[in-house]
Amino acid sequence: MQPEKIKNKGQARLFENQYLEMLTKTHPLVIWGMYIPIIGWMLYYSVSDIGMGAWQATGIFTAGIFAWTFFEYIMHRFVFHFITENQRLRRIIYTLHGNHHEFPRDRQRLFMPPVPSLLIASLIFGIMRLIMGVTAYAFFPGFILGYLLYGSIHYAIHAWRPPFPFMKPLWRNHHLHHYQSEHRGFGVSSSLWDRIFGTFFRE
């Protein structure tokens, strides 16, 4: 995964076809605009049609946000940094995440673009619905808000300095992940799981 040279300018070319290439890029506001109505509708549906109490829905929603942080850690550590000699898999991993390590300041690829994002989100919601039943209508919006917050923090880390002192460990953890060792610092929106699993960079 670690490129021979990290490039702080420019961006990777992922597809020769210009239309496919265009679909690999997005802006954070596009993704927020796409998911906020879904989050709002699902929460409304949870209370008005399913009959959840407001406090119950809020608790499940909050649990969804927390679940995202664990999902984020597991995906980043074991999927995006999966080690393989298979060239096709290596290409897929580069397309998903490796290009970000080579061009960490490419702001157009800090969020999953709309088409694959919706496909993956639909699959995840389907699995949650099968496992959790109607509870998924309150849990999934929290999970997606967790994703939106993760993406926004990730964007901010690569674009600006930390706005508040308490956020400095997040900035430090992620920058060291890029510029020192890709085998540590997998949490972006939270350093909790890095601390629990021993992959947080020591002071």
N, C-alpha and C. Protein backbone atom coordinates (compact mmCIF):
# COMPACT_ATOMS: atom_id res chain seq x y z
N MET A 1 0.82 -1.20 0.00
CA MET A 1 0.00 0.00 0.00
C MET A 1 0.86 1.25 0.00
N GLN A 2 1.93 1.24 0.79
CA GLN A 2 2.75 2.45 0.92
C GLN A 2 3.43 2.75 -0.42
N PRO A 3 3.14 3.89 -1.05
CA PRO A 3 3.75 4.21 -2.34
C PRO A 3 5.23 4.53 -2.19
N GLU A 4 5.95 4.37 -3.30
CA GLU A 4 7.37 4.69 -3.27
C GLU A 4 7.59 6.16 -2.96
N LYS A 5 6.70 7.00 -3.47
CA LYS A 5 6.79 8.43 -3.22
C LYS A 5 5.40 9.00 -3.00
N ILE A 6 5.21 9.70 -1.89
CA ILE A 6 3.94 10.36 -1.62
C ILE A 6 3.92 11.69 -2.37
N LYS A 7 2.84 11.92 -3.11
CA LYS A 7 2.70 13.13 -3.93
C LYS A 7 1.66 14.05 -3.29
N ASN A 8 2.07 15.20 -2.85
CA ASN A 8 1.16 16.13 -2.20
C ASN A 8 0.46 17.07 -3.17
N LYS A 9 0.67 16.85 -4.47
CA LYS A 9 -0.04 17.60 -5.50
C LYS A 9 -0.52 16.61 -6.56
N GLY A 10 -1.63 16.96 -7.22
CA GLY A 10 -2.15 16.12 -8.28
C GLY A 10 -3.07 15.03 -7.76
N GLN A 11 -3.48 14.13 -8.66
CA GLN A 11 -4.35 13.02 -8.29
C GLN A 11 -4.11 11.85 -9.24
N ALA A 12 -4.46 10.66 -8.77
CA ALA A 12 -4.25 9.46 -9.56
C ALA A 12 -5.26 9.38 -10.70
N ARG A 13 -4.85 8.74 -11.78
CA ARG A 13 -5.77 8.42 -12.86
C ARG A 13 -6.23 6.98 -12.66
N LEU A 14 -7.50 6.78 -12.35
CA LEU A 14 -8.00 5.45 -12.01
C LEU A 14 -8.59 4.71 -13.20
N PHE A 15 -9.18 5.45 -14.14
CA PHE A 15 -9.80 4.84 -15.32
C PHE A 15 -9.40 5.62 -16.57
N GLU A 16 -9.21 4.89 -17.67
CA GLU A 16 -8.93 5.57 -18.93
C GLU A 16 -10.16 6.28 -19.46
N ASN A 17 -11.34 5.69 -19.24
CA ASN A 17 -12.59 6.31 -19.68
C ASN A 17 -12.86 7.56 -18.86
N GLN A 18 -13.05 8.69 -19.55
CA GLN A 18 -13.20 9.97 -18.83
C GLN A 18 -14.48 10.03 -18.00
N TYR A 19 -15.53 9.31 -18.42
CA TYR A 19 -16.79 9.34 -17.67
C TYR A 19 -16.69 8.50 -16.40
N LEU A 20 -16.04 7.35 -16.50
CA LEU A 20 -15.80 6.55 -15.29
C LEU A 20 -14.89 7.30 -14.33
N GLU A 21 -13.89 7.96 -14.90
CA GLU A 21 -12.96 8.73 -14.07
C GLU A 21 -13.69 9.85 -13.33
N MET A 22 -14.62 10.49 -14.02
CA MET A 22 -15.40 11.57 -13.41
C MET A 22 -16.24 11.06 -12.24
N LEU A 23 -16.73 9.82 -12.35
CA LEU A 23 -17.57 9.24 -11.31
C LEU A 23 -16.80 8.83 -10.06
N THR A 24 -15.47 8.93 -10.10
CA THR A 24 -14.66 8.58 -8.92
C THR A 24 -14.42 9.79 -8.03
N LYS A 25 -14.97 10.95 -8.42
CA LYS A 25 -14.70 12.18 -7.67
C LYS A 25 -16.00 12.77 -7.15
N THR A 26 -15.91 13.46 -6.03
CA THR A 26 -17.10 14.11 -5.49
C THR A 26 -16.68 15.20 -4.51
N HIS A 27 -17.68 15.97 -4.06
CA HIS A 27 -17.47 17.01 -3.05
C HIS A 27 -18.26 16.62 -1.80
N PRO A 28 -17.76 16.91 -0.61
CA PRO A 28 -18.48 16.55 0.62
C PRO A 28 -19.94 17.00 0.65
N LEU A 29 -20.23 18.20 0.15
CA LEU A 29 -21.60 18.71 0.20
C LEU A 29 -22.56 17.87 -0.63
N VAL A 30 -22.06 17.25 -1.70
CA VAL A 30 -22.90 16.37 -2.52
C VAL A 30 -23.34 15.17 -1.68
N ILE A 31 -22.40 14.59 -0.94
CA ILE A 31 -22.72 13.40 -0.14
C ILE A 31 -23.62 13.76 1.04
N TRP A 32 -23.35 14.88 1.69
CA TRP A 32 -24.24 15.34 2.77
C TRP A 32 -25.65 15.58 2.22
N GLY A 33 -25.73 16.25 1.08
CA GLY A 33 -27.04 16.54 0.49
C GLY A 33 -27.79 15.28 0.08
N MET A 34 -27.06 14.24 -0.23
CA MET A 34 -27.66 12.98 -0.65
C MET A 34 -28.22 12.20 0.53
N TYR A 35 -27.51 12.23 1.67
CA TYR A 35 -27.89 11.37 2.79
C TYR A 35 -28.75 12.05 3.86
N ILE A 36 -28.66 13.35 4.01
CA ILE A 36 -29.46 14.02 5.04
C ILE A 36 -30.96 13.77 4.88
N PRO A 37 -31.52 13.85 3.65
CA PRO A 37 -32.95 13.53 3.52
C PRO A 37 -33.27 12.08 3.90
N ILE A 38 -32.37 11.15 3.59
CA ILE A 38 -32.57 9.74 3.94
C ILE A 38 -32.57 9.57 5.45
N ILE A 39 -31.61 10.21 6.11
CA ILE A 39 -31.54 10.16 7.58
C ILE A 39 -32.81 10.72 8.20
N GLY A 40 -33.23 11.88 7.72
CA GLY A 40 -34.43 12.53 8.25
C GLY A 40 -35.68 11.69 8.05
N TRP A 41 -35.83 11.13 6.85
CA TRP A 41 -37.03 10.33 6.58
C TRP A 41 -37.06 9.07 7.43
N MET A 42 -35.93 8.38 7.56
CA MET A 42 -35.90 7.14 8.34
C MET A 42 -36.21 7.38 9.82
N LEU A 43 -35.68 8.47 10.35
CA LEU A 43 -35.97 8.78 11.75
C LEU A 43 -37.45 9.12 11.93
N TYR A 44 -38.00 9.88 10.99
CA TYR A 44 -39.42 10.22 11.03
C TYR A 44 -40.27 8.95 10.93
N TYR A 45 -39.90 8.06 10.03
CA TYR A 45 -40.62 6.81 9.84
C TYR A 45 -40.55 5.94 11.09
N SER A 46 -39.39 5.94 11.76
CA SER A 46 -39.21 5.15 12.98
C SER A 46 -40.20 5.55 14.06
N VAL A 47 -40.44 6.85 14.18
CA VAL A 47 -41.32 7.37 15.24
C VAL A 47 -42.78 7.37 14.81
N SER A 48 -43.05 7.83 13.58
CA SER A 48 -44.44 8.03 13.16
C SER A 48 -45.12 6.74 12.71
N ASP A 49 -44.41 5.87 12.00
CA ASP A 49 -45.03 4.67 11.44
C ASP A 49 -44.72 3.40 12.24
N ILE A 50 -43.47 3.26 12.67
CA ILE A 50 -43.11 2.05 13.41
C ILE A 50 -43.56 2.16 14.87
N GLY A 51 -43.59 3.40 15.38
CA GLY A 51 -44.10 3.61 16.73
C GLY A 51 -43.03 3.65 17.82
N MET A 52 -41.78 3.86 17.43
CA MET A 52 -40.74 4.01 18.45
C MET A 52 -40.95 5.30 19.22
N GLY A 53 -40.61 5.28 20.49
CA GLY A 53 -40.62 6.52 21.26
C GLY A 53 -39.43 7.37 20.85
N ALA A 54 -39.53 8.66 21.09
CA ALA A 54 -38.46 9.57 20.69
C ALA A 54 -37.13 9.21 21.37
N TRP A 55 -37.21 8.86 22.67
CA TRP A 55 -35.98 8.51 23.39
C TRP A 55 -35.40 7.19 22.91
N GLN A 56 -36.28 6.25 22.60
CA GLN A 56 -35.83 4.96 22.09
C GLN A 56 -35.12 5.15 20.74
N ALA A 57 -35.73 5.92 19.86
CA ALA A 57 -35.14 6.17 18.54
C ALA A 57 -33.80 6.89 18.68
N THR A 58 -33.75 7.83 19.63
CA THR A 58 -32.50 8.59 19.85
C THR A 58 -31.40 7.67 20.34
N GLY A 59 -31.73 6.75 21.25
CA GLY A 59 -30.74 5.81 21.77
C GLY A 59 -30.21 4.88 20.69
N ILE A 60 -31.11 4.37 19.86
CA ILE A 60 -30.71 3.46 18.77
C ILE A 60 -29.88 4.23 17.74
N PHE A 61 -30.31 5.45 17.45
CA PHE A 61 -29.58 6.32 16.52
C PHE A 61 -28.15 6.56 17.01
N THR A 62 -28.00 6.85 18.30
CA THR A 62 -26.68 7.08 18.89
C THR A 62 -25.82 5.83 18.82
N ALA A 63 -26.44 4.67 19.05
CA ALA A 63 -25.72 3.41 18.94
C ALA A 63 -25.21 3.20 17.52
N GLY A 64 -25.98 3.65 16.55
CA GLY A 64 -25.56 3.55 15.15
C GLY A 64 -24.31 4.38 14.87
N ILE A 65 -24.25 5.57 15.45
CA ILE A 65 -23.06 6.42 15.28
C ILE A 65 -21.84 5.71 15.87
N PHE A 66 -22.01 5.15 17.08
CA PHE A 66 -20.90 4.46 17.73
C PHE A 66 -20.47 3.24 16.92
N ALA A 67 -21.44 2.50 16.37
CA ALA A 67 -21.12 1.31 15.57
C ALA A 67 -20.30 1.69 14.35
N TRP A 68 -20.58 2.88 13.78
CA TRP A 68 -19.80 3.31 12.62
C TRP A 68 -18.32 3.37 12.95
N THR A 69 -17.95 3.88 14.12
CA THR A 69 -16.53 4.04 14.45
C THR A 69 -15.79 2.70 14.44
N PHE A 70 -16.48 1.63 14.89
CA PHE A 70 -15.87 0.30 14.87
C PHE A 70 -15.79 -0.22 13.44
N PHE A 71 -16.86 -0.03 12.68
CA PHE A 71 -16.88 -0.45 11.27
C PHE A 71 -15.77 0.24 10.49
N GLU A 72 -15.61 1.53 10.73
CA GLU A 72 -14.57 2.33 10.07
C GLU A 72 -13.19 1.75 10.36
N TYR A 73 -12.94 1.42 11.61
CA TYR A 73 -11.63 0.87 12.00
C TYR A 73 -11.38 -0.48 11.32
N ILE A 74 -12.37 -1.37 11.37
CA ILE A 74 -12.22 -2.71 10.80
C ILE A 74 -12.01 -2.63 9.29
N MET A 75 -12.79 -1.82 8.61
CA MET A 75 -12.67 -1.69 7.15
C MET A 75 -11.30 -1.12 6.77
N HIS A 76 -10.89 -0.09 7.48
CA HIS A 76 -9.62 0.57 7.16
C HIS A 76 -8.45 -0.39 7.40
N ARG A 77 -8.50 -1.09 8.50
CA ARG A 77 -7.37 -1.95 8.86
C ARG A 77 -7.31 -3.23 8.02
N PHE A 78 -8.43 -3.91 7.84
CA PHE A 78 -8.41 -5.25 7.26
C PHE A 78 -8.86 -5.33 5.80
N VAL A 79 -9.55 -4.30 5.30
CA VAL A 79 -9.97 -4.32 3.89
C VAL A 79 -9.12 -3.35 3.07
N PHE A 80 -9.07 -2.09 3.48
CA PHE A 80 -8.32 -1.10 2.70
C PHE A 80 -6.82 -1.32 2.74
N HIS A 81 -6.34 -2.01 3.78
CA HIS A 81 -4.92 -2.32 3.87
C HIS A 81 -4.66 -3.82 3.77
N PHE A 82 -5.53 -4.51 3.05
CA PHE A 82 -5.38 -5.94 2.84
C PHE A 82 -4.12 -6.20 1.99
N ILE A 83 -3.29 -7.12 2.45
CA ILE A 83 -2.04 -7.44 1.76
C ILE A 83 -2.24 -8.67 0.90
N THR A 84 -1.95 -8.58 -0.38
CA THR A 84 -2.12 -9.68 -1.31
C THR A 84 -1.12 -9.56 -2.46
N GLU A 85 -0.79 -10.70 -3.07
CA GLU A 85 0.06 -10.72 -4.25
C GLU A 85 -0.78 -10.79 -5.52
N ASN A 86 -2.10 -10.98 -5.36
CA ASN A 86 -2.99 -11.04 -6.51
C ASN A 86 -3.10 -9.65 -7.15
N GLN A 87 -2.73 -9.56 -8.42
CA GLN A 87 -2.67 -8.25 -9.08
C GLN A 87 -4.04 -7.59 -9.24
N ARG A 88 -5.07 -8.39 -9.48
CA ARG A 88 -6.42 -7.82 -9.61
C ARG A 88 -6.89 -7.22 -8.28
N LEU A 89 -6.65 -7.97 -7.20
CA LEU A 89 -7.03 -7.46 -5.89
C LEU A 89 -6.22 -6.23 -5.53
N ARG A 90 -4.95 -6.24 -5.88
CA ARG A 90 -4.10 -5.07 -5.61
C ARG A 90 -4.64 -3.84 -6.34
N ARG A 91 -5.12 -4.06 -7.56
CA ARG A 91 -5.67 -2.95 -8.35
C ARG A 91 -6.95 -2.42 -7.71
N ILE A 92 -7.81 -3.35 -7.24
CA ILE A 92 -9.05 -2.94 -6.58
C ILE A 92 -8.74 -2.15 -5.31
N ILE A 93 -7.79 -2.63 -4.52
CA ILE A 93 -7.43 -1.94 -3.28
C ILE A 93 -6.83 -0.58 -3.57
N TYR A 94 -6.04 -0.50 -4.65
CA TYR A 94 -5.48 0.81 -5.03
C TYR A 94 -6.59 1.78 -5.41
N THR A 95 -7.57 1.28 -6.15
CA THR A 95 -8.69 2.13 -6.56
C THR A 95 -9.50 2.59 -5.35
N LEU A 96 -9.71 1.66 -4.40
CA LEU A 96 -10.49 2.00 -3.20
C LEU A 96 -9.75 2.93 -2.26
N HIS A 97 -8.45 2.66 -2.05
CA HIS A 97 -7.75 3.37 -0.98
C HIS A 97 -6.29 3.71 -1.27
N GLY A 98 -5.64 2.87 -2.06
CA GLY A 98 -4.21 3.08 -2.30
C GLY A 98 -3.89 4.40 -2.96
N ASN A 99 -4.77 4.86 -3.86
CA ASN A 99 -4.54 6.14 -4.51
C ASN A 99 -4.54 7.28 -3.50
N HIS A 100 -5.31 7.12 -2.41
CA HIS A 100 -5.35 8.14 -1.37
C HIS A 100 -4.01 8.23 -0.65
N HIS A 101 -3.34 7.09 -0.49
CA HIS A 101 -2.03 7.11 0.15
C HIS A 101 -0.97 7.72 -0.76
N GLU A 102 -1.14 7.55 -2.05
CA GLU A 102 -0.18 8.14 -2.98
C GLU A 102 -0.43 9.63 -3.15
N PHE A 103 -1.71 10.03 -3.14
CA PHE A 103 -2.09 11.45 -3.30
C PHE A 103 -2.98 11.86 -2.12
N PRO A 104 -2.43 11.98 -0.92
CA PRO A 104 -3.25 12.22 0.28
C PRO A 104 -3.99 13.56 0.30
N ARG A 105 -3.57 14.51 -0.53
CA ARG A 105 -4.22 15.82 -0.52
C ARG A 105 -5.22 15.99 -1.67
N ASP A 106 -5.56 14.90 -2.32
CA ASP A 106 -6.58 14.94 -3.37
C ASP A 106 -7.95 15.04 -2.70
N ARG A 107 -8.49 16.24 -2.63
CA ARG A 107 -9.73 16.48 -1.88
C ARG A 107 -10.96 15.89 -2.59
N GLN A 108 -10.86 15.60 -3.87
CA GLN A 108 -12.01 15.08 -4.60
C GLN A 108 -12.27 13.61 -4.34
N ARG A 109 -11.33 12.96 -3.64
CA ARG A 109 -11.50 11.52 -3.38
C ARG A 109 -11.42 11.21 -1.89
N LEU A 110 -11.87 12.11 -1.06
CA LEU A 110 -11.88 11.88 0.37
C LEU A 110 -13.21 11.31 0.84
N PHE A 111 -14.25 11.39 0.00
CA PHE A 111 -15.53 10.75 0.24
C PHE A 111 -15.75 9.70 -0.85
N MET A 112 -16.44 8.63 -0.51
CA MET A 112 -16.86 7.67 -1.52
C MET A 112 -17.81 8.39 -2.47
N PRO A 113 -17.58 8.31 -3.79
CA PRO A 113 -18.46 9.00 -4.74
C PRO A 113 -19.89 8.46 -4.71
N PRO A 114 -20.86 9.23 -5.21
CA PRO A 114 -22.29 8.92 -5.02
C PRO A 114 -22.74 7.52 -5.44
N VAL A 115 -22.38 7.08 -6.64
CA VAL A 115 -22.91 5.80 -7.15
C VAL A 115 -22.47 4.61 -6.29
N PRO A 116 -21.16 4.38 -6.10
CA PRO A 116 -20.78 3.25 -5.23
C PRO A 116 -21.22 3.45 -3.78
N SER A 117 -21.28 4.70 -3.33
CA SER A 117 -21.71 4.97 -1.97
C SER A 117 -23.14 4.49 -1.74
N LEU A 118 -24.04 4.82 -2.66
CA LEU A 118 -25.44 4.41 -2.53
C LEU A 118 -25.60 2.90 -2.64
N LEU A 119 -24.82 2.28 -3.53
CA LEU A 119 -24.90 0.82 -3.69
C LEU A 119 -24.47 0.12 -2.40
N ILE A 120 -23.34 0.56 -1.84
CA ILE A 120 -22.83 -0.06 -0.61
C ILE A 120 -23.76 0.22 0.56
N ALA A 121 -24.27 1.47 0.65
CA ALA A 121 -25.19 1.82 1.74
C ALA A 121 -26.47 0.99 1.67
N SER A 122 -26.96 0.74 0.46
CA SER A 122 -28.17 -0.07 0.29
C SER A 122 -27.92 -1.50 0.75
N LEU A 123 -26.76 -2.04 0.41
CA LEU A 123 -26.40 -3.39 0.84
C LEU A 123 -26.31 -3.48 2.37
N ILE A 124 -25.65 -2.48 2.96
CA ILE A 124 -25.51 -2.47 4.42
C ILE A 124 -26.86 -2.36 5.10
N PHE A 125 -27.73 -1.47 4.57
CA PHE A 125 -29.07 -1.35 5.17
C PHE A 125 -29.84 -2.65 5.04
N GLY A 126 -29.72 -3.32 3.88
CA GLY A 126 -30.41 -4.59 3.69
C GLY A 126 -29.98 -5.62 4.71
N ILE A 127 -28.69 -5.70 4.99
CA ILE A 127 -28.17 -6.63 5.99
C ILE A 127 -28.67 -6.26 7.38
N MET A 128 -28.65 -4.96 7.70
CA MET A 128 -29.15 -4.51 9.00
C MET A 128 -30.63 -4.82 9.16
N ARG A 129 -31.38 -4.64 8.09
CA ARG A 129 -32.83 -4.89 8.15
C ARG A 129 -33.12 -6.36 8.40
N LEU A 130 -32.32 -7.24 7.79
CA LEU A 130 -32.49 -8.68 8.01
C LEU A 130 -32.16 -9.07 9.44
N ILE A 131 -31.10 -8.46 9.98
CA ILE A 131 -30.63 -8.84 11.31
C ILE A 131 -31.43 -8.16 12.42
N MET A 132 -31.73 -6.87 12.23
CA MET A 132 -32.30 -6.07 13.31
C MET A 132 -33.79 -5.83 13.18
N GLY A 133 -34.36 -6.16 12.04
CA GLY A 133 -35.77 -5.87 11.83
C GLY A 133 -36.00 -4.36 11.67
N VAL A 134 -37.13 -3.88 12.17
CA VAL A 134 -37.48 -2.47 11.99
C VAL A 134 -36.58 -1.54 12.80
N THR A 135 -35.82 -2.08 13.75
CA THR A 135 -34.87 -1.26 14.51
C THR A 135 -33.85 -0.61 13.59
N ALA A 136 -33.61 -1.23 12.43
CA ALA A 136 -32.64 -0.70 11.47
C ALA A 136 -33.02 0.69 10.98
N TYR A 137 -34.31 1.03 11.02
CA TYR A 137 -34.73 2.34 10.52
C TYR A 137 -34.26 3.48 11.42
N ALA A 138 -33.93 3.19 12.67
CA ALA A 138 -33.34 4.20 13.55
C ALA A 138 -31.83 4.03 13.66
N PHE A 139 -31.36 2.78 13.54
CA PHE A 139 -29.93 2.49 13.67
C PHE A 139 -29.14 2.95 12.44
N PHE A 140 -29.66 2.66 11.26
CA PHE A 140 -28.95 2.98 10.02
C PHE A 140 -28.70 4.49 9.85
N PRO A 141 -29.66 5.38 10.17
CA PRO A 141 -29.38 6.81 10.07
C PRO A 141 -28.21 7.25 10.94
N GLY A 142 -28.09 6.69 12.14
CA GLY A 142 -26.94 7.00 13.00
C GLY A 142 -25.65 6.52 12.38
N PHE A 143 -25.70 5.32 11.82
CA PHE A 143 -24.53 4.73 11.15
C PHE A 143 -24.08 5.64 9.99
N ILE A 144 -25.04 6.12 9.21
CA ILE A 144 -24.72 6.99 8.07
C ILE A 144 -24.23 8.35 8.53
N LEU A 145 -24.81 8.89 9.61
CA LEU A 145 -24.30 10.16 10.13
C LEU A 145 -22.86 9.97 10.61
N GLY A 146 -22.57 8.82 11.21
CA GLY A 146 -21.20 8.51 11.59
C GLY A 146 -20.28 8.56 10.39
N TYR A 147 -20.75 8.01 9.27
CA TYR A 147 -19.96 8.05 8.03
C TYR A 147 -19.74 9.49 7.56
N LEU A 148 -20.79 10.29 7.61
CA LEU A 148 -20.68 11.68 7.16
C LEU A 148 -19.70 12.47 8.04
N LEU A 149 -19.75 12.23 9.34
CA LEU A 149 -18.83 12.90 10.25
C LEU A 149 -17.40 12.43 10.01
N TYR A 150 -17.23 11.12 9.81
CA TYR A 150 -15.92 10.56 9.47
C TYR A 150 -15.35 11.22 8.21
N GLY A 151 -16.18 11.27 7.16
CA GLY A 151 -15.72 11.85 5.90
C GLY A 151 -15.35 13.31 6.04
N SER A 152 -16.12 14.04 6.83
CA SER A 152 -15.85 15.46 7.02
C SER A 152 -14.58 15.69 7.83
N ILE A 153 -14.38 14.86 8.87
CA ILE A 153 -13.15 14.96 9.66
C ILE A 153 -11.95 14.59 8.81
N HIS A 154 -12.11 13.54 8.00
CA HIS A 154 -11.03 13.12 7.10
C HIS A 154 -10.67 14.24 6.13
N TYR A 155 -11.70 14.88 5.58
CA TYR A 155 -11.48 16.01 4.67
C TYR A 155 -10.73 17.13 5.39
N ALA A 156 -11.18 17.45 6.60
CA ALA A 156 -10.56 18.54 7.37
C ALA A 156 -9.11 18.23 7.71
N ILE A 157 -8.82 16.98 8.07
CA ILE A 157 -7.45 16.60 8.43
C ILE A 157 -6.49 16.85 7.27
N HIS A 158 -6.96 16.55 6.05
CA HIS A 158 -6.09 16.71 4.88
C HIS A 158 -6.10 18.13 4.32
N ALA A 159 -7.03 18.95 4.81
CA ALA A 159 -7.15 20.30 4.24
C ALA A 159 -6.70 21.41 5.19
N TRP A 160 -6.88 21.21 6.50
CA TRP A 160 -6.63 22.29 7.45
C TRP A 160 -5.92 21.79 8.70
N ARG A 161 -5.53 22.73 9.52
CA ARG A 161 -4.99 22.40 10.85
C ARG A 161 -6.16 22.11 11.79
N PRO A 162 -5.92 21.39 12.90
CA PRO A 162 -7.03 21.10 13.82
C PRO A 162 -7.62 22.38 14.40
N PRO A 163 -8.96 22.54 14.33
CA PRO A 163 -9.59 23.78 14.81
C PRO A 163 -9.61 23.91 16.33
N PHE A 164 -9.54 22.77 17.04
CA PHE A 164 -9.58 22.78 18.50
C PHE A 164 -8.45 21.91 19.05
N PRO A 165 -7.86 22.29 20.18
CA PRO A 165 -6.74 21.51 20.75
C PRO A 165 -7.08 20.04 20.99
N PHE A 166 -8.33 19.75 21.42
CA PHE A 166 -8.68 18.36 21.73
C PHE A 166 -8.70 17.47 20.49
N MET A 167 -8.69 18.07 19.29
CA MET A 167 -8.71 17.31 18.06
C MET A 167 -7.31 16.99 17.53
N LYS A 168 -6.28 17.54 18.18
CA LYS A 168 -4.91 17.33 17.71
C LYS A 168 -4.50 15.86 17.64
N PRO A 169 -4.90 15.02 18.63
CA PRO A 169 -4.52 13.60 18.52
C PRO A 169 -5.07 12.92 17.27
N LEU A 170 -6.29 13.30 16.82
CA LEU A 170 -6.85 12.73 15.60
C LEU A 170 -5.99 13.12 14.40
N TRP A 171 -5.64 14.40 14.32
CA TRP A 171 -4.81 14.90 13.22
C TRP A 171 -3.46 14.17 13.21
N ARG A 172 -2.87 14.10 14.40
CA ARG A 172 -1.54 13.48 14.52
C ARG A 172 -1.60 12.00 14.13
N ASN A 173 -2.60 11.29 14.65
CA ASN A 173 -2.74 9.86 14.39
C ASN A 173 -2.85 9.58 12.89
N HIS A 174 -3.65 10.38 12.20
CA HIS A 174 -3.88 10.12 10.77
C HIS A 174 -2.68 10.55 9.92
N HIS A 175 -2.08 11.67 10.26
CA HIS A 175 -0.90 12.09 9.49
C HIS A 175 0.25 11.10 9.65
N LEU A 176 0.43 10.56 10.86
CA LEU A 176 1.48 9.56 11.06
C LEU A 176 1.14 8.27 10.30
N HIS A 177 -0.15 7.97 10.18
CA HIS A 177 -0.57 6.81 9.39
C HIS A 177 -0.12 6.96 7.93
N HIS A 178 -0.20 8.18 7.43
CA HIS A 178 0.19 8.44 6.03
C HIS A 178 1.70 8.56 5.86
N TYR A 179 2.35 9.25 6.78
CA TYR A 179 3.73 9.65 6.55
C TYR A 179 4.77 8.87 7.37
N GLN A 180 4.31 8.02 8.30
CA GLN A 180 5.28 7.25 9.08
C GLN A 180 5.06 5.74 8.94
N SER A 181 3.84 5.27 9.22
CA SER A 181 3.58 3.83 9.13
C SER A 181 2.11 3.59 8.83
N GLU A 182 1.84 2.84 7.77
CA GLU A 182 0.45 2.52 7.42
C GLU A 182 -0.10 1.38 8.26
N HIS A 183 0.71 0.82 9.14
CA HIS A 183 0.29 -0.32 9.96
C HIS A 183 -0.26 0.10 11.32
N ARG A 184 -0.43 1.39 11.54
CA ARG A 184 -1.00 1.92 12.76
C ARG A 184 -1.90 3.10 12.40
N GLY A 185 -2.68 3.55 13.37
CA GLY A 185 -3.49 4.76 13.16
C GLY A 185 -4.62 4.58 12.16
N PHE A 186 -5.45 3.56 12.36
CA PHE A 186 -6.52 3.27 11.41
C PHE A 186 -7.79 4.07 11.69
N GLY A 187 -7.95 4.57 12.89
CA GLY A 187 -9.13 5.37 13.20
C GLY A 187 -8.98 6.79 12.67
N VAL A 188 -10.04 7.30 12.08
CA VAL A 188 -10.02 8.67 11.55
C VAL A 188 -10.95 9.56 12.36
N SER A 189 -12.20 9.14 12.51
CA SER A 189 -13.16 9.94 13.27
C SER A 189 -13.01 9.74 14.78
N SER A 190 -12.33 8.65 15.16
CA SER A 190 -12.10 8.37 16.58
C SER A 190 -10.82 7.57 16.72
N SER A 191 -10.09 7.84 17.79
CA SER A 191 -8.88 7.05 18.07
C SER A 191 -9.16 5.93 19.07
N LEU A 192 -10.44 5.76 19.47
CA LEU A 192 -10.82 4.79 20.49
C LEU A 192 -10.33 3.39 20.16
N TRP A 193 -10.62 2.91 18.96
CA TRP A 193 -10.31 1.53 18.62
C TRP A 193 -8.82 1.33 18.40
N ASP A 194 -8.11 2.36 17.95
CA ASP A 194 -6.65 2.27 17.89
C ASP A 194 -6.07 2.08 19.28
N ARG A 195 -6.63 2.79 20.25
CA ARG A 195 -6.15 2.67 21.63
C ARG A 195 -6.49 1.28 22.20
N ILE A 196 -7.68 0.78 21.91
CA ILE A 196 -8.10 -0.52 22.43
C ILE A 196 -7.27 -1.65 21.82
N PHE A 197 -7.02 -1.59 20.50
CA PHE A 197 -6.33 -2.68 19.81
C PHE A 197 -4.82 -2.45 19.67
N GLY A 198 -4.31 -1.39 20.30
CA GLY A 198 -2.86 -1.18 20.33
C GLY A 198 -2.25 -0.69 19.05
N THR A 199 -3.03 -0.01 18.21
CA THR A 199 -2.48 0.52 16.95
C THR A 199 -2.39 2.05 16.96
N PHE A 200 -2.59 2.66 18.13
CA PHE A 200 -2.45 4.11 18.25
C PHE A 200 -0.95 4.46 18.33
N PHE A 201 -0.57 5.53 17.66
CA PHE A 201 0.83 5.96 17.73
C PHE A 201 1.11 6.51 19.12
N ARG A 202 2.14 6.01 19.75
CA ARG A 202 2.49 6.47 21.09
C ARG A 202 3.01 7.89 21.04
N GLU A 203 2.78 8.61 22.13
CA GLU A 203 3.27 9.99 22.21
C GLU A 203 4.78 10.01 22.18
